[in-house]
Amino acid sequence: MRDLQAATRKGAELASGLGAVVLGAGLALVLPEWLRTCAIPLLMGGVIVHGAGMTLKYRFEARGGPPLWWERGLFWLCWALLALLGIWIAAAALAPRQ
């Protein structure tokens, strides 16, 4: 029974995340001019929410035992990519406009 609940929870998390991605992609296609003015805040909000959710999930799953080496590696790779994305966003925001 517990395995079924865990599988159901993971399925719900996947559906939620996939829905958020599709929703964001749809908005980006329908509202490009309006979203362009909000691009930096939207990206930063996404980075913050994703980072917080990823960290909370990592900590929650670590309660069941230490993470495997590849889980830890993917966690830190994701944080490194988020940091690079933040640097790229900052550079784009500070770059002179033509």
N, C-alpha and C. Protein backbone atom coordinates (compact mmCIF):
# COMPACT_ATOMS: atom_id res chain seq x y z
N MET A 1 0.83 -1.19 0.00
CA MET A 1 0.00 0.00 0.00
C MET A 1 0.87 1.26 0.00
N ARG A 2 1.94 1.23 0.79
CA ARG A 2 2.82 2.39 0.87
C ARG A 2 3.52 2.65 -0.47
N ASP A 3 3.88 1.57 -1.20
CA ASP A 3 4.50 1.71 -2.51
C ASP A 3 3.54 2.36 -3.49
N LEU A 4 2.28 2.00 -3.42
CA LEU A 4 1.27 2.57 -4.31
C LEU A 4 1.11 4.06 -4.02
N GLN A 5 1.12 4.44 -2.74
CA GLN A 5 1.01 5.85 -2.38
C GLN A 5 2.22 6.63 -2.87
N ALA A 6 3.41 6.07 -2.72
CA ALA A 6 4.62 6.75 -3.18
C ALA A 6 4.61 6.90 -4.70
N ALA A 7 4.19 5.87 -5.40
CA ALA A 7 4.12 5.93 -6.86
C ALA A 7 3.08 6.96 -7.30
N THR A 8 1.95 7.00 -6.61
CA THR A 8 0.92 7.98 -6.94
C THR A 8 1.41 9.40 -6.70
N ARG A 9 2.13 9.59 -5.58
CA ARG A 9 2.68 10.92 -5.27
C ARG A 9 3.69 11.34 -6.33
N LYS A 10 4.56 10.43 -6.74
CA LYS A 10 5.55 10.75 -7.76
C LYS A 10 4.88 11.05 -9.10
N GLY A 11 3.84 10.31 -9.42
CA GLY A 11 3.10 10.58 -10.65
C GLY A 11 2.45 11.96 -10.63
N ALA A 12 1.90 12.32 -9.47
CA ALA A 12 1.29 13.64 -9.32
C ALA A 12 2.34 14.74 -9.44
N GLU A 13 3.51 14.53 -8.84
CA GLU A 13 4.59 15.51 -8.94
C GLU A 13 5.03 15.69 -10.39
N LEU A 14 5.13 14.58 -11.12
CA LEU A 14 5.53 14.63 -12.52
C LEU A 14 4.48 15.36 -13.35
N ALA A 15 3.21 15.03 -13.13
CA ALA A 15 2.14 15.69 -13.88
C ALA A 15 2.12 17.19 -13.58
N SER A 16 2.31 17.56 -12.33
CA SER A 16 2.33 18.97 -11.95
C SER A 16 3.49 19.71 -12.62
N GLY A 17 4.66 19.12 -12.55
CA GLY A 17 5.83 19.75 -13.16
C GLY A 17 5.71 19.86 -14.67
N LEU A 18 5.23 18.80 -15.30
CA LEU A 18 5.06 18.82 -16.75
C LEU A 18 4.00 19.85 -17.14
N GLY A 19 2.94 19.92 -16.38
CA GLY A 19 1.90 20.92 -16.64
C GLY A 19 2.43 22.34 -16.53
N ALA A 20 3.29 22.59 -15.53
CA ALA A 20 3.88 23.91 -15.37
C ALA A 20 4.76 24.26 -16.57
N VAL A 21 5.51 23.30 -17.06
CA VAL A 21 6.38 23.54 -18.21
C VAL A 21 5.54 23.85 -19.45
N VAL A 22 4.50 23.06 -19.69
CA VAL A 22 3.64 23.28 -20.86
C VAL A 22 2.92 24.62 -20.74
N LEU A 23 2.44 24.94 -19.56
CA LEU A 23 1.79 26.23 -19.34
C LEU A 23 2.74 27.38 -19.63
N GLY A 24 3.95 27.29 -19.12
CA GLY A 24 4.94 28.34 -19.37
C GLY A 24 5.28 28.47 -20.84
N ALA A 25 5.43 27.34 -21.53
CA ALA A 25 5.72 27.38 -22.96
C ALA A 25 4.55 27.99 -23.72
N GLY A 26 3.33 27.64 -23.35
CA GLY A 26 2.16 28.21 -24.01
C GLY A 26 2.06 29.70 -23.81
N LEU A 27 2.30 30.16 -22.60
CA LEU A 27 2.28 31.61 -22.33
C LEU A 27 3.37 32.33 -23.12
N ALA A 28 4.53 31.72 -23.21
CA ALA A 28 5.63 32.34 -23.96
C ALA A 28 5.29 32.46 -25.44
N LEU A 29 4.48 31.56 -25.96
CA LEU A 29 4.09 31.63 -27.37
C LEU A 29 2.92 32.58 -27.60
N VAL A 30 2.01 32.69 -26.64
CA VAL A 30 0.82 33.51 -26.81
C VAL A 30 1.09 34.98 -26.46
N LEU A 31 1.90 35.22 -25.47
CA LEU A 31 2.12 36.58 -24.97
C LEU A 31 3.57 37.04 -25.06
N PRO A 32 4.23 36.91 -26.21
CA PRO A 32 5.67 37.21 -26.25
C PRO A 32 6.03 38.66 -25.92
N GLU A 33 5.26 39.62 -26.43
CA GLU A 33 5.61 41.03 -26.17
C GLU A 33 5.42 41.39 -24.70
N TRP A 34 4.29 40.99 -24.13
CA TRP A 34 4.02 41.30 -22.73
C TRP A 34 5.01 40.59 -21.81
N LEU A 35 5.31 39.33 -22.12
CA LEU A 35 6.23 38.57 -21.27
C LEU A 35 7.67 39.06 -21.37
N ARG A 36 8.02 39.65 -22.50
CA ARG A 36 9.39 40.13 -22.68
C ARG A 36 9.74 41.16 -21.61
N THR A 37 8.79 42.01 -21.25
CA THR A 37 9.06 43.02 -20.23
C THR A 37 9.19 42.39 -18.84
N CYS A 38 8.65 41.19 -18.68
CA CYS A 38 8.69 40.50 -17.38
C CYS A 38 9.67 39.33 -17.38
N ALA A 39 10.49 39.23 -18.41
CA ALA A 39 11.34 38.03 -18.56
C ALA A 39 12.27 37.82 -17.38
N ILE A 40 12.99 38.85 -16.96
CA ILE A 40 13.96 38.70 -15.88
C ILE A 40 13.28 38.30 -14.57
N PRO A 41 12.21 39.00 -14.14
CA PRO A 41 11.55 38.55 -12.91
C PRO A 41 10.98 37.14 -13.01
N LEU A 42 10.42 36.78 -14.18
CA LEU A 42 9.89 35.42 -14.34
C LEU A 42 10.99 34.38 -14.25
N LEU A 43 12.11 34.63 -14.90
CA LEU A 43 13.23 33.68 -14.83
C LEU A 43 13.76 33.56 -13.41
N MET A 44 13.94 34.68 -12.74
CA MET A 44 14.47 34.63 -11.37
C MET A 44 13.47 33.94 -10.43
N GLY A 45 12.19 34.22 -10.60
CA GLY A 45 11.17 33.53 -9.79
C GLY A 45 11.21 32.04 -10.03
N GLY A 46 11.35 31.64 -11.29
CA GLY A 46 11.44 30.22 -11.61
C GLY A 46 12.66 29.56 -10.99
N VAL A 47 13.79 30.26 -11.03
CA VAL A 47 15.02 29.73 -10.43
C VAL A 47 14.84 29.55 -8.93
N ILE A 48 14.25 30.53 -8.28
CA ILE A 48 14.06 30.47 -6.82
C ILE A 48 13.09 29.35 -6.44
N VAL A 49 11.96 29.28 -7.12
CA VAL A 49 10.97 28.25 -6.80
C VAL A 49 11.51 26.86 -7.10
N HIS A 50 12.15 26.70 -8.26
CA HIS A 50 12.70 25.40 -8.60
C HIS A 50 13.80 24.99 -7.61
N GLY A 51 14.68 25.92 -7.29
CA GLY A 51 15.76 25.61 -6.34
C GLY A 51 15.23 25.22 -4.97
N ALA A 52 14.22 25.95 -4.50
CA ALA A 52 13.64 25.63 -3.19
C ALA A 52 12.94 24.27 -3.22
N GLY A 53 12.16 24.03 -4.26
CA GLY A 53 11.47 22.75 -4.37
C GLY A 53 12.43 21.58 -4.49
N MET A 54 13.48 21.77 -5.29
CA MET A 54 14.47 20.72 -5.49
C MET A 54 15.19 20.41 -4.16
N THR A 55 15.54 21.46 -3.42
CA THR A 55 16.24 21.27 -2.15
C THR A 55 15.34 20.60 -1.11
N LEU A 56 14.08 21.03 -1.04
CA LEU A 56 13.16 20.41 -0.09
C LEU A 56 12.93 18.94 -0.42
N LYS A 57 12.78 18.62 -1.69
CA LYS A 57 12.58 17.22 -2.09
C LYS A 57 13.83 16.40 -1.78
N TYR A 58 15.00 16.95 -2.04
CA TYR A 58 16.26 16.26 -1.76
C TYR A 58 16.37 15.96 -0.26
N ARG A 59 16.05 16.95 0.57
CA ARG A 59 16.10 16.75 2.02
C ARG A 59 15.06 15.74 2.50
N PHE A 60 13.86 15.83 1.93
CA PHE A 60 12.79 14.90 2.31
C PHE A 60 13.19 13.46 1.98
N GLU A 61 13.72 13.25 0.79
CA GLU A 61 14.11 11.91 0.39
C GLU A 61 15.34 11.42 1.14
N ALA A 62 16.18 12.33 1.63
CA ALA A 62 17.37 11.94 2.38
C ALA A 62 17.01 11.37 3.75
N ARG A 63 15.80 11.62 4.22
CA ARG A 63 15.37 11.07 5.51
C ARG A 63 15.30 9.55 5.46
N GLY A 64 15.06 9.00 4.28
CA GLY A 64 14.97 7.56 4.12
C GLY A 64 16.33 6.88 4.04
N GLY A 65 17.39 7.64 4.02
CA GLY A 65 18.73 7.11 3.91
C GLY A 65 19.58 8.04 3.08
N PRO A 66 20.88 7.85 3.11
CA PRO A 66 21.74 8.76 2.34
C PRO A 66 21.49 8.61 0.84
N PRO A 67 21.57 9.74 0.12
CA PRO A 67 21.33 9.66 -1.32
C PRO A 67 22.44 8.88 -2.03
N LEU A 68 22.09 8.29 -3.14
CA LEU A 68 23.09 7.60 -3.95
C LEU A 68 24.03 8.62 -4.58
N TRP A 69 25.19 8.16 -5.01
CA TRP A 69 26.19 9.10 -5.55
C TRP A 69 25.66 9.86 -6.75
N TRP A 70 24.88 9.20 -7.61
CA TRP A 70 24.38 9.88 -8.81
C TRP A 70 23.26 10.85 -8.47
N GLU A 71 22.50 10.58 -7.40
CA GLU A 71 21.47 11.53 -6.97
C GLU A 71 22.13 12.80 -6.45
N ARG A 72 23.15 12.64 -5.65
CA ARG A 72 23.88 13.79 -5.13
C ARG A 72 24.53 14.56 -6.28
N GLY A 73 25.10 13.83 -7.24
CA GLY A 73 25.74 14.47 -8.39
C GLY A 73 24.75 15.28 -9.21
N LEU A 74 23.56 14.70 -9.47
CA LEU A 74 22.55 15.43 -10.23
C LEU A 74 22.04 16.66 -9.47
N PHE A 75 21.91 16.53 -8.17
CA PHE A 75 21.47 17.66 -7.34
C PHE A 75 22.45 18.82 -7.49
N TRP A 76 23.74 18.55 -7.34
CA TRP A 76 24.73 19.62 -7.42
C TRP A 76 24.94 20.11 -8.85
N LEU A 77 24.78 19.23 -9.84
CA LEU A 77 24.85 19.67 -11.23
C LEU A 77 23.72 20.64 -11.53
N CYS A 78 22.53 20.35 -11.03
CA CYS A 78 21.39 21.24 -11.24
C CYS A 78 21.66 22.60 -10.60
N TRP A 79 22.21 22.61 -9.38
CA TRP A 79 22.52 23.88 -8.73
C TRP A 79 23.59 24.65 -9.51
N ALA A 80 24.56 23.95 -10.05
CA ALA A 80 25.60 24.61 -10.84
C ALA A 80 24.98 25.24 -12.10
N LEU A 81 24.09 24.51 -12.76
CA LEU A 81 23.43 25.05 -13.95
C LEU A 81 22.53 26.23 -13.59
N LEU A 82 21.86 26.17 -12.45
CA LEU A 82 21.06 27.31 -12.01
C LEU A 82 21.94 28.53 -11.73
N ALA A 83 23.11 28.31 -11.16
CA ALA A 83 24.04 29.41 -10.91
C ALA A 83 24.50 30.02 -12.24
N LEU A 84 24.83 29.18 -13.21
CA LEU A 84 25.22 29.68 -14.52
C LEU A 84 24.08 30.45 -15.18
N LEU A 85 22.87 29.96 -15.03
CA LEU A 85 21.72 30.67 -15.57
C LEU A 85 21.58 32.04 -14.91
N GLY A 86 21.78 32.09 -13.60
CA GLY A 86 21.72 33.37 -12.89
C GLY A 86 22.77 34.34 -13.37
N ILE A 87 23.98 33.85 -13.61
CA ILE A 87 25.04 34.71 -14.13
C ILE A 87 24.68 35.21 -15.53
N TRP A 88 24.15 34.34 -16.36
CA TRP A 88 23.75 34.72 -17.72
C TRP A 88 22.64 35.78 -17.68
N ILE A 89 21.65 35.59 -16.80
CA ILE A 89 20.56 36.55 -16.67
C ILE A 89 21.10 37.90 -16.20
N ALA A 90 21.98 37.89 -15.22
CA ALA A 90 22.57 39.13 -14.72
C ALA A 90 23.37 39.84 -15.81
N ALA A 91 24.15 39.08 -16.57
CA ALA A 91 24.93 39.68 -17.65
C ALA A 91 24.02 40.27 -18.72
N ALA A 92 22.94 39.58 -19.04
CA ALA A 92 22.01 40.09 -20.05
C ALA A 92 21.29 41.35 -19.55
N ALA A 93 20.98 41.37 -18.27
CA ALA A 93 20.28 42.53 -17.70
C ALA A 93 21.20 43.74 -17.63
N LEU A 94 22.49 43.52 -17.42
CA LEU A 94 23.44 44.63 -17.28
C LEU A 94 24.07 45.06 -18.60
N ALA A 95 23.87 44.25 -19.64
CA ALA A 95 24.49 44.56 -20.94
C ALA A 95 23.82 45.80 -21.54
N PRO A 96 24.62 46.64 -22.19
CA PRO A 96 24.02 47.82 -22.83
C PRO A 96 23.08 47.41 -23.97
N ARG A 97 21.97 48.10 -24.07
CA ARG A 97 20.96 47.82 -25.10
C ARG A 97 21.32 48.57 -26.38
N GLN A 98 21.06 47.94 -27.52
CA GLN A 98 21.36 48.61 -28.80
C GLN A 98 20.11 49.11 -29.46
